[in-house]
Amino acid sequence: MDKRNLAFGRTNFIILAIGMAIVIIGFILMGGSGSSAEEFNADIFSARRIKVAPVVCFFGFVSMIYAVVYRPKEKDSKQLETTEGKEDAK
């Protein structure tokens, strides 16, 4: 398969993997023991679970969106091809 037919390049996949890792870290930060009917656990309202983890997940999702829309700059291969084609025609 030709590399030109792929929708994503190597950089896109790397950014996507980093974004997925950040989201997973955010969900791990949200985790912990919960409250039960017999006992109330005030840790469910900690700053780590309510403020830090959602922000970390948000940045992970934003980086994943950026990985999808990111288009690497094309090298001057197209210009070289057109220049070579013109020289061949002469």
PDB file of N, CA and C in Angstrom:
ATOM      1  N   MET A   1       0.840  -1.178   0.000  1.00  0.00           N
ATOM      2  CA  MET A   1       0.000   0.000   0.000  1.00  0.00           C
ATOM      3  C   MET A   1       0.884   1.240   0.000  1.00  0.00           C
ATOM      4  N   ASP A   2       0.530   2.166  -0.816  1.00  0.00           N
ATOM      5  CA  ASP A   2       1.292   3.397  -0.937  1.00  0.00           C
ATOM      6  C   ASP A   2       1.008   4.313   0.249  1.00  0.00           C
ATOM      7  N   LYS A   3       2.042   4.970   0.748  1.00  0.00           N
ATOM      8  CA  LYS A   3       1.873   5.846   1.904  1.00  0.00           C
ATOM      9  C   LYS A   3       0.989   7.054   1.586  1.00  0.00           C
ATOM     10  N   ARG A   4       0.883   7.420   0.364  1.00  0.00           N
ATOM     11  CA  ARG A   4       0.069   8.578  -0.006  1.00  0.00           C
ATOM     12  C   ARG A   4      -1.419   8.304   0.167  1.00  0.00           C
ATOM     13  N   ASN A   5      -1.831   7.045   0.209  1.00  0.00           N
ATOM     14  CA  ASN A   5      -3.236   6.698   0.336  1.00  0.00           C
ATOM     15  C   ASN A   5      -3.721   6.682   1.781  1.00  0.00           C
ATOM     16  N   LEU A   6      -2.808   6.771   2.749  1.00  0.00           N
ATOM     17  CA  LEU A   6      -3.210   6.750   4.144  1.00  0.00           C
ATOM     18  C   LEU A   6      -3.760   8.108   4.553  1.00  0.00           C
ATOM     19  N   ALA A   7      -4.785   8.091   5.383  1.00  0.00           N
ATOM     20  CA  ALA A   7      -5.389   9.344   5.831  1.00  0.00           C
ATOM     21  C   ALA A   7      -4.518  10.040   6.866  1.00  0.00           C
ATOM     22  N   PHE A   8      -3.867   9.264   7.729  1.00  0.00           N
ATOM     23  CA  PHE A   8      -3.032   9.820   8.783  1.00  0.00           C
ATOM     24  C   PHE A   8      -1.576   9.498   8.522  1.00  0.00           C
ATOM     25  N   GLY A   9      -0.736  10.408   8.938  1.00  0.00           N
ATOM     26  CA  GLY A   9       0.693  10.162   8.873  1.00  0.00           C
ATOM     27  C   GLY A   9       1.194   9.669  10.222  1.00  0.00           C
ATOM     28  N   ARG A  10       2.480   9.484  10.303  1.00  0.00           N
ATOM     29  CA  ARG A  10       3.082   8.981  11.533  1.00  0.00           C
ATOM     30  C   ARG A  10       2.879   9.980  12.675  1.00  0.00           C
ATOM     31  N   THR A  11       3.012  11.263  12.382  1.00  0.00           N
ATOM     32  CA  THR A  11       2.838  12.294  13.406  1.00  0.00           C
ATOM     33  C   THR A  11       1.421  12.274  13.958  1.00  0.00           C
ATOM     34  N   ASN A  12       0.437  12.072  13.110  1.00  0.00           N
ATOM     35  CA  ASN A  12      -0.949  12.005  13.566  1.00  0.00           C
ATOM     36  C   ASN A  12      -1.157  10.863  14.548  1.00  0.00           C
ATOM     37  N   PHE A  13      -0.593   9.715  14.235  1.00  0.00           N
ATOM     38  CA  PHE A  13      -0.754   8.560  15.120  1.00  0.00           C
ATOM     39  C   PHE A  13      -0.047   8.778  16.451  1.00  0.00           C
ATOM     40  N   ILE A  14       1.094   9.432  16.440  1.00  0.00           N
ATOM     41  CA  ILE A  14       1.815   9.704  17.682  1.00  0.00           C
ATOM     42  C   ILE A  14       1.016  10.664  18.554  1.00  0.00           C
ATOM     43  N   ILE A  15       0.490  11.730  17.966  1.00  0.00           N
ATOM     44  CA  ILE A  15      -0.315  12.685  18.727  1.00  0.00           C
ATOM     45  C   ILE A  15      -1.582  12.017  19.248  1.00  0.00           C
ATOM     46  N   LEU A  16      -2.186  11.161  18.445  1.00  0.00           N
ATOM     47  CA  LEU A  16      -3.387  10.441  18.860  1.00  0.00           C
ATOM     48  C   LEU A  16      -3.100   9.519  20.037  1.00  0.00           C
ATOM     49  N   ALA A  17      -1.986   8.811  19.993  1.00  0.00           N
ATOM     50  CA  ALA A  17      -1.625   7.910  21.090  1.00  0.00           C
ATOM     51  C   ALA A  17      -1.344   8.691  22.372  1.00  0.00           C
ATOM     52  N   ILE A  18      -0.684   9.831  22.250  1.00  0.00           N
ATOM     53  CA  ILE A  18      -0.420  10.664  23.428  1.00  0.00           C
ATOM     54  C   ILE A  18      -1.739  11.164  24.019  1.00  0.00           C
ATOM     55  N   GLY A  19      -2.659  11.581  23.160  1.00  0.00           N
ATOM     56  CA  GLY A  19      -3.968  12.032  23.634  1.00  0.00           C
ATOM     57  C   GLY A  19      -4.732  10.931  24.337  1.00  0.00           C
ATOM     58  N   MET A  20      -4.682   9.717  23.799  1.00  0.00           N
ATOM     59  CA  MET A  20      -5.353   8.597  24.447  1.00  0.00           C
ATOM     60  C   MET A  20      -4.743   8.297  25.803  1.00  0.00           C
ATOM     61  N   ALA A  21      -3.414   8.391  25.907  1.00  0.00           N
ATOM     62  CA  ALA A  21      -2.743   8.152  27.184  1.00  0.00           C
ATOM     63  C   ALA A  21      -3.147   9.211  28.210  1.00  0.00           C
ATOM     64  N   ILE A  22      -3.275  10.460  27.773  1.00  0.00           N
ATOM     65  CA  ILE A  22      -3.689  11.532  28.678  1.00  0.00           C
ATOM     66  C   ILE A  22      -5.115  11.303  29.168  1.00  0.00           C
ATOM     67  N   VAL A  23      -6.006  10.868  28.286  1.00  0.00           N
ATOM     68  CA  VAL A  23      -7.380  10.581  28.692  1.00  0.00           C
ATOM     69  C   VAL A  23      -7.417   9.434  29.692  1.00  0.00           C
ATOM     70  N   ILE A  24      -6.641   8.402  29.456  1.00  0.00           N
ATOM     71  CA  ILE A  24      -6.599   7.270  30.381  1.00  0.00           C
ATOM     72  C   ILE A  24      -6.079   7.706  31.745  1.00  0.00           C
ATOM     73  N   ILE A  25      -5.058   8.558  31.756  1.00  0.00           N
ATOM     74  CA  ILE A  25      -4.544   9.082  33.026  1.00  0.00           C
ATOM     75  C   ILE A  25      -5.629   9.883  33.744  1.00  0.00           C
ATOM     76  N   GLY A  26      -6.402  10.667  33.004  1.00  0.00           N
ATOM     77  CA  GLY A  26      -7.494  11.426  33.602  1.00  0.00           C
ATOM     78  C   GLY A  26      -8.549  10.530  34.231  1.00  0.00           C
ATOM     79  N   PHE A  27      -8.892   9.444  33.551  1.00  0.00           N
ATOM     80  CA  PHE A  27      -9.873   8.521  34.121  1.00  0.00           C
ATOM     81  C   PHE A  27      -9.318   7.791  35.337  1.00  0.00           C
ATOM     82  N   ILE A  28      -8.040   7.496  35.337  1.00  0.00           N
ATOM     83  CA  ILE A  28      -7.426   6.874  36.510  1.00  0.00           C
ATOM     84  C   ILE A  28      -7.461   7.836  37.696  1.00  0.00           C
ATOM     85  N   LEU A  29      -7.217   9.131  37.419  1.00  0.00           N
ATOM     86  CA  LEU A  29      -7.291  10.128  38.491  1.00  0.00           C
ATOM     87  C   LEU A  29      -8.708  10.254  39.058  1.00  0.00           C
ATOM     88  N   MET A  30      -9.721  10.002  38.239  1.00  0.00           N
ATOM     89  CA  MET A  30     -11.107  10.071  38.716  1.00  0.00           C
ATOM     90  C   MET A  30     -11.482   8.875  39.568  1.00  0.00           C
ATOM     91  N   GLY A  31     -10.766   7.801  39.445  1.00  0.00           N
ATOM     92  CA  GLY A  31     -11.125   6.571  40.128  1.00  0.00           C
ATOM     93  C   GLY A  31     -10.881   6.622  41.623  1.00  0.00           C
ATOM     94  N   GLY A  32     -11.446   5.671  42.300  1.00  0.00           N
ATOM     95  CA  GLY A  32     -11.278   5.539  43.741  1.00  0.00           C
ATOM     96  C   GLY A  32     -12.503   4.891  44.340  1.00  0.00           C
ATOM     97  N   SER A  33     -12.463   4.746  45.636  1.00  0.00           N
ATOM     98  CA  SER A  33     -13.602   4.115  46.297  1.00  0.00           C
ATOM     99  C   SER A  33     -14.746   5.111  46.403  1.00  0.00           C
ATOM    100  N   GLY A  34     -15.941   4.621  46.354  1.00  0.00           N
ATOM    101  CA  GLY A  34     -17.123   5.465  46.433  1.00  0.00           C
ATOM    102  C   GLY A  34     -17.809   5.338  47.778  1.00  0.00           C
ATOM    103  N   SER A  35     -18.931   5.978  47.882  1.00  0.00           N
ATOM    104  CA  SER A  35     -19.719   5.894  49.103  1.00  0.00           C
ATOM    105  C   SER A  35     -20.695   4.729  48.994  1.00  0.00           C
ATOM    106  N   SER A  36     -21.065   4.203  50.142  1.00  0.00           N
ATOM    107  CA  SER A  36     -22.056   3.138  50.175  1.00  0.00           C
ATOM    108  C   SER A  36     -23.250   3.619  50.995  1.00  0.00           C
ATOM    109  N   ALA A  37     -24.276   2.803  51.069  1.00  0.00           N
ATOM    110  CA  ALA A  37     -25.467   3.179  51.829  1.00  0.00           C
ATOM    111  C   ALA A  37     -25.176   3.259  53.320  1.00  0.00           C
ATOM    112  N   GLU A  38     -24.225   2.475  53.783  1.00  0.00           N
ATOM    113  CA  GLU A  38     -23.908   2.452  55.203  1.00  0.00           C
ATOM    114  C   GLU A  38     -22.902   3.523  55.609  1.00  0.00           C
ATOM    115  N   GLU A  39     -22.044   3.913  54.688  1.00  0.00           N
ATOM    116  CA  GLU A  39     -20.944   4.815  55.050  1.00  0.00           C
ATOM    117  C   GLU A  39     -20.752   5.867  53.962  1.00  0.00           C
ATOM    118  N   PHE A  40     -20.595   7.121  54.396  1.00  0.00           N
ATOM    119  CA  PHE A  40     -20.341   8.218  53.465  1.00  0.00           C
ATOM    120  C   PHE A  40     -18.839   8.435  53.372  1.00  0.00           C
ATOM    121  N   ASN A  41     -18.334   8.515  52.156  1.00  0.00           N
ATOM    122  CA  ASN A  41     -16.912   8.756  51.921  1.00  0.00           C
ATOM    123  C   ASN A  41     -16.765  10.146  51.329  1.00  0.00           C
ATOM    124  N   ALA A  42     -16.196  11.067  52.088  1.00  0.00           N
ATOM    125  CA  ALA A  42     -16.052  12.452  51.627  1.00  0.00           C
ATOM    126  C   ALA A  42     -14.987  12.584  50.541  1.00  0.00           C
ATOM    127  N   ASP A  43     -14.203  11.545  50.297  1.00  0.00           N
ATOM    128  CA  ASP A  43     -13.153  11.596  49.282  1.00  0.00           C
ATOM    129  C   ASP A  43     -13.712  11.706  47.869  1.00  0.00           C
ATOM    130  N   ILE A  44     -14.986  11.395  47.685  1.00  0.00           N
ATOM    131  CA  ILE A  44     -15.562  11.510  46.341  1.00  0.00           C
ATOM    132  C   ILE A  44     -15.651  12.963  45.900  1.00  0.00           C
ATOM    133  N   PHE A  45     -15.536  13.899  46.813  1.00  0.00           N
ATOM    134  CA  PHE A  45     -15.573  15.316  46.482  1.00  0.00           C
ATOM    135  C   PHE A  45     -14.200  15.967  46.543  1.00  0.00           C
ATOM    136  N   SER A  46     -13.144  15.196  46.416  1.00  0.00           N
ATOM    137  CA  SER A  46     -11.787  15.750  46.480  1.00  0.00           C
ATOM    138  C   SER A  46     -11.496  16.565  45.222  1.00  0.00           C
ATOM    139  N   ALA A  47     -10.548  17.476  45.334  1.00  0.00           N
ATOM    140  CA  ALA A  47     -10.186  18.341  44.199  1.00  0.00           C
ATOM    141  C   ALA A  47      -9.599  17.526  43.052  1.00  0.00           C
ATOM    142  N   ARG A  48      -8.921  16.443  43.382  1.00  0.00           N
ATOM    143  CA  ARG A  48      -8.339  15.601  42.329  1.00  0.00           C
ATOM    144  C   ARG A  48      -9.424  14.990  41.457  1.00  0.00           C
ATOM    145  N   ARG A  49     -10.505  14.548  42.061  1.00  0.00           N
ATOM    146  CA  ARG A  49     -11.571  13.889  41.311  1.00  0.00           C
ATOM    147  C   ARG A  49     -12.502  14.864  40.607  1.00  0.00           C
ATOM    148  N   ILE A  50     -12.703  16.037  41.174  1.00  0.00           N
ATOM    149  CA  ILE A  50     -13.697  16.951  40.627  1.00  0.00           C
ATOM    150  C   ILE A  50     -13.089  18.007  39.723  1.00  0.00           C
ATOM    151  N   LYS A  51     -11.859  18.416  39.981  1.00  0.00           N
ATOM    152  CA  LYS A  51     -11.264  19.507  39.207  1.00  0.00           C
ATOM    153  C   LYS A  51     -10.115  19.050  38.317  1.00  0.00           C
ATOM    154  N   VAL A  52      -9.177  18.326  38.877  1.00  0.00           N
ATOM    155  CA  VAL A  52      -7.957  17.984  38.139  1.00  0.00           C
ATOM    156  C   VAL A  52      -8.231  16.951  37.045  1.00  0.00           C
ATOM    157  N   ALA A  53      -8.885  15.867  37.388  1.00  0.00           N
ATOM    158  CA  ALA A  53      -9.101  14.775  36.437  1.00  0.00           C
ATOM    159  C   ALA A  53      -9.928  15.195  35.217  1.00  0.00           C
ATOM    160  N   PRO A  54     -11.031  15.942  35.385  1.00  0.00           N
ATOM    161  CA  PRO A  54     -11.764  16.365  34.187  1.00  0.00           C
ATOM    162  C   PRO A  54     -10.952  17.294  33.276  1.00  0.00           C
ATOM    163  N   VAL A  55     -10.113  18.148  33.867  1.00  0.00           N
ATOM    164  CA  VAL A  55      -9.277  19.033  33.048  1.00  0.00           C
ATOM    165  C   VAL A  55      -8.249  18.216  32.279  1.00  0.00           C
ATOM    166  N   VAL A  56      -7.674  17.212  32.932  1.00  0.00           N
ATOM    167  CA  VAL A  56      -6.703  16.342  32.258  1.00  0.00           C
ATOM    168  C   VAL A  56      -7.385  15.605  31.102  1.00  0.00           C
ATOM    169  N   CYS A  57      -8.576  15.085  31.329  1.00  0.00           N
ATOM    170  CA  CYS A  57      -9.320  14.402  30.259  1.00  0.00           C
ATOM    171  C   CYS A  57      -9.650  15.360  29.126  1.00  0.00           C
ATOM    172  N   PHE A  58     -10.034  16.583  29.467  1.00  0.00           N
ATOM    173  CA  PHE A  58     -10.356  17.581  28.445  1.00  0.00           C
ATOM    174  C   PHE A  58      -9.150  17.835  27.544  1.00  0.00           C
ATOM    175  N   PHE A  59      -7.972  18.024  28.143  1.00  0.00           N
ATOM    176  CA  PHE A  59      -6.768  18.242  27.335  1.00  0.00           C
ATOM    177  C   PHE A  59      -6.442  17.025  26.484  1.00  0.00           C
ATOM    178  N   GLY A  60      -6.713  15.836  26.990  1.00  0.00           N
ATOM    179  CA  GLY A  60      -6.501  14.630  26.203  1.00  0.00           C
ATOM    180  C   GLY A  60      -7.420  14.566  24.998  1.00  0.00           C
ATOM    181  N   PHE A  61      -8.700  14.906  25.204  1.00  0.00           N
ATOM    182  CA  PHE A  61      -9.644  14.903  24.088  1.00  0.00           C
ATOM    183  C   PHE A  61      -9.310  15.989  23.062  1.00  0.00           C
ATOM    184  N   VAL A  62      -8.884  17.151  23.542  1.00  0.00           N
ATOM    185  CA  VAL A  62      -8.498  18.224  22.619  1.00  0.00           C
ATOM    186  C   VAL A  62      -7.291  17.802  21.783  1.00  0.00           C
ATOM    187  N   SER A  63      -6.322  17.136  22.409  1.00  0.00           N
ATOM    188  CA  SER A  63      -5.157  16.696  21.643  1.00  0.00           C
ATOM    189  C   SER A  63      -5.525  15.602  20.644  1.00  0.00           C
ATOM    190  N   MET A  64      -6.516  14.779  20.974  1.00  0.00           N
ATOM    191  CA  MET A  64      -6.965  13.773  20.013  1.00  0.00           C
ATOM    192  C   MET A  64      -7.667  14.423  18.824  1.00  0.00           C
ATOM    193  N   ILE A  65      -8.446  15.455  19.077  1.00  0.00           N
ATOM    194  CA  ILE A  65      -9.089  16.179  17.977  1.00  0.00           C
ATOM    195  C   ILE A  65      -8.028  16.849  17.113  1.00  0.00           C
ATOM    196  N   TYR A  66      -7.025  17.426  17.761  1.00  0.00           N
ATOM    197  CA  TYR A  66      -5.938  18.051  17.007  1.00  0.00           C
ATOM    198  C   TYR A  66      -5.209  17.020  16.144  1.00  0.00           C
ATOM    199  N   ALA A  67      -5.050  15.799  16.649  1.00  0.00           N
ATOM    200  CA  ALA A  67      -4.386  14.752  15.876  1.00  0.00           C
ATOM    201  C   ALA A  67      -5.177  14.403  14.625  1.00  0.00           C
ATOM    202  N   VAL A  68      -6.491  14.499  14.704  1.00  0.00           N
ATOM    203  CA  VAL A  68      -7.323  14.172  13.546  1.00  0.00           C
ATOM    204  C   VAL A  68      -7.241  15.271  12.491  1.00  0.00           C
ATOM    205  N   VAL A  69      -7.236  16.532  12.907  1.00  0.00           N
ATOM    206  CA  VAL A  69      -7.249  17.617  11.937  1.00  0.00           C
ATOM    207  C   VAL A  69      -5.854  18.076  11.525  1.00  0.00           C
ATOM    208  N   TYR A  70      -4.818  17.611  12.201  1.00  0.00           N
ATOM    209  CA  TYR A  70      -3.449  18.030  11.892  1.00  0.00           C
ATOM    210  C   TYR A  70      -3.033  17.492  10.529  1.00  0.00           C
ATOM    211  N   ARG A  71      -2.525  18.376   9.714  1.00  0.00           N
ATOM    212  CA  ARG A  71      -2.021  17.975   8.405  1.00  0.00           C
ATOM    213  C   ARG A  71      -0.568  18.421   8.322  1.00  0.00           C
ATOM    214  N   PRO A  72       0.354  17.476   8.238  1.00  0.00           N
ATOM    215  CA  PRO A  72       1.765  17.876   8.163  1.00  0.00           C
ATOM    216  C   PRO A  72       2.053  18.638   6.885  1.00  0.00           C
ATOM    217  N   LYS A  73       2.996  19.535   6.984  1.00  0.00           N
ATOM    218  CA  LYS A  73       3.374  20.312   5.812  1.00  0.00           C
ATOM    219  C   LYS A  73       4.004  19.388   4.785  1.00  0.00           C
ATOM    220  N   GLU A  74       3.523  19.505   3.574  1.00  0.00           N
ATOM    221  CA  GLU A  74       4.071  18.667   2.507  1.00  0.00           C
ATOM    222  C   GLU A  74       5.412  19.241   2.079  1.00  0.00           C
ATOM    223  N   LYS A  75       6.329  18.356   1.857  1.00  0.00           N
ATOM    224  CA  LYS A  75       7.636  18.804   1.375  1.00  0.00           C
ATOM    225  C   LYS A  75       7.508  19.271  -0.060  1.00  0.00           C
ATOM    226  N   ASP A  76       8.523  19.816  -0.577  1.00  0.00           N
ATOM    227  CA  ASP A  76       8.480  20.377  -1.924  1.00  0.00           C
ATOM    228  C   ASP A  76       8.483  19.294  -3.000  1.00  0.00           C
ATOM    229  N   SER A  77       7.965  18.122  -2.687  1.00  0.00           N
ATOM    230  CA  SER A  77       7.964  17.035  -3.664  1.00  0.00           C
ATOM    231  C   SER A  77       7.037  17.356  -4.835  1.00  0.00           C
ATOM    232  N   LYS A  78       5.923  18.029  -4.547  1.00  0.00           N
ATOM    233  CA  LYS A  78       5.017  18.382  -5.643  1.00  0.00           C
ATOM    234  C   LYS A  78       5.664  19.393  -6.566  1.00  0.00           C
ATOM    235  N   GLN A  79       6.386  20.347  -5.994  1.00  0.00           N
ATOM    236  CA  GLN A  79       7.062  21.336  -6.820  1.00  0.00           C
ATOM    237  C   GLN A  79       8.165  20.677  -7.634  1.00  0.00           C
ATOM    238  N   LEU A  80       8.858  19.725  -7.035  1.00  0.00           N
ATOM    239  CA  LEU A  80       9.910  19.022  -7.770  1.00  0.00           C
ATOM    240  C   LEU A  80       9.315  18.220  -8.925  1.00  0.00           C
ATOM    241  N   GLU A  81       8.172  17.573  -8.674  1.00  0.00           N
ATOM    242  CA  GLU A  81       7.538  16.783  -9.726  1.00  0.00           C
ATOM    243  C   GLU A  81       7.099  17.662 -10.888  1.00  0.00           C
ATOM    244  N   THR A  82       6.516  18.815 -10.591  1.00  0.00           N
ATOM    245  CA  THR A  82       6.068  19.694 -11.670  1.00  0.00           C
ATOM    246  C   THR A  82       7.252  20.294 -12.411  1.00  0.00           C
ATOM    247  N   THR A  83       8.323  20.609 -11.682  1.00  0.00           N
ATOM    248  CA  THR A  83       9.512  21.157 -12.324  1.00  0.00           C
ATOM    249  C   THR A  83      10.164  20.113 -13.222  1.00  0.00           C
ATOM    250  N   GLU A  84      10.255  18.882 -12.736  1.00  0.00           N
ATOM    251  CA  GLU A  84      10.850  17.816 -13.546  1.00  0.00           C
ATOM    252  C   GLU A  84      10.005  17.534 -14.774  1.00  0.00           C
ATOM    253  N   GLY A  85       8.693  17.613 -14.632  1.00  0.00           N
ATOM    254  CA  GLY A  85       7.802  17.364 -15.759  1.00  0.00           C
ATOM    255  C   GLY A  85       7.975  18.423 -16.832  1.00  0.00           C
ATOM    256  N   LYS A  86       8.185  19.668 -16.430  1.00  0.00           N
ATOM    257  CA  LYS A  86       8.372  20.753 -17.385  1.00  0.00           C
ATOM    258  C   LYS A  86       9.712  20.593 -18.099  1.00  0.00           C
ATOM    259  N   GLU A  87      10.741  20.154 -17.370  1.00  0.00           N
ATOM    260  CA  GLU A  87      12.056  19.988 -17.984  1.00  0.00           C
ATOM    261  C   GLU A  87      12.035  18.838 -18.978  1.00  0.00           C
ATOM    262  N   ASP A  88      11.285  17.783 -18.655  1.00  0.00           N
ATOM    263  CA  ASP A  88      11.185  16.649 -19.571  1.00  0.00           C
ATOM    264  C   ASP A  88      10.457  17.043 -20.845  1.00  0.00           C
ATOM    265  N   ALA A  89       9.511  17.948 -20.755  1.00  0.00           N
ATOM    266  CA  ALA A  89       8.738  18.347 -21.904  1.00  0.00           C
ATOM    267  C   ALA A  89       9.562  19.183 -22.882  1.00  0.00           C
ATOM    268  N   LYS A  90      10.601  19.845 -22.382  1.00  0.00           N
ATOM    269  CA  LYS A  90      11.434  20.691 -23.257  1.00  0.00           C
ATOM    270  C   LYS A  90      12.305  19.897 -24.116  1.00  0.00           C
TER     271      LYS A  90
END
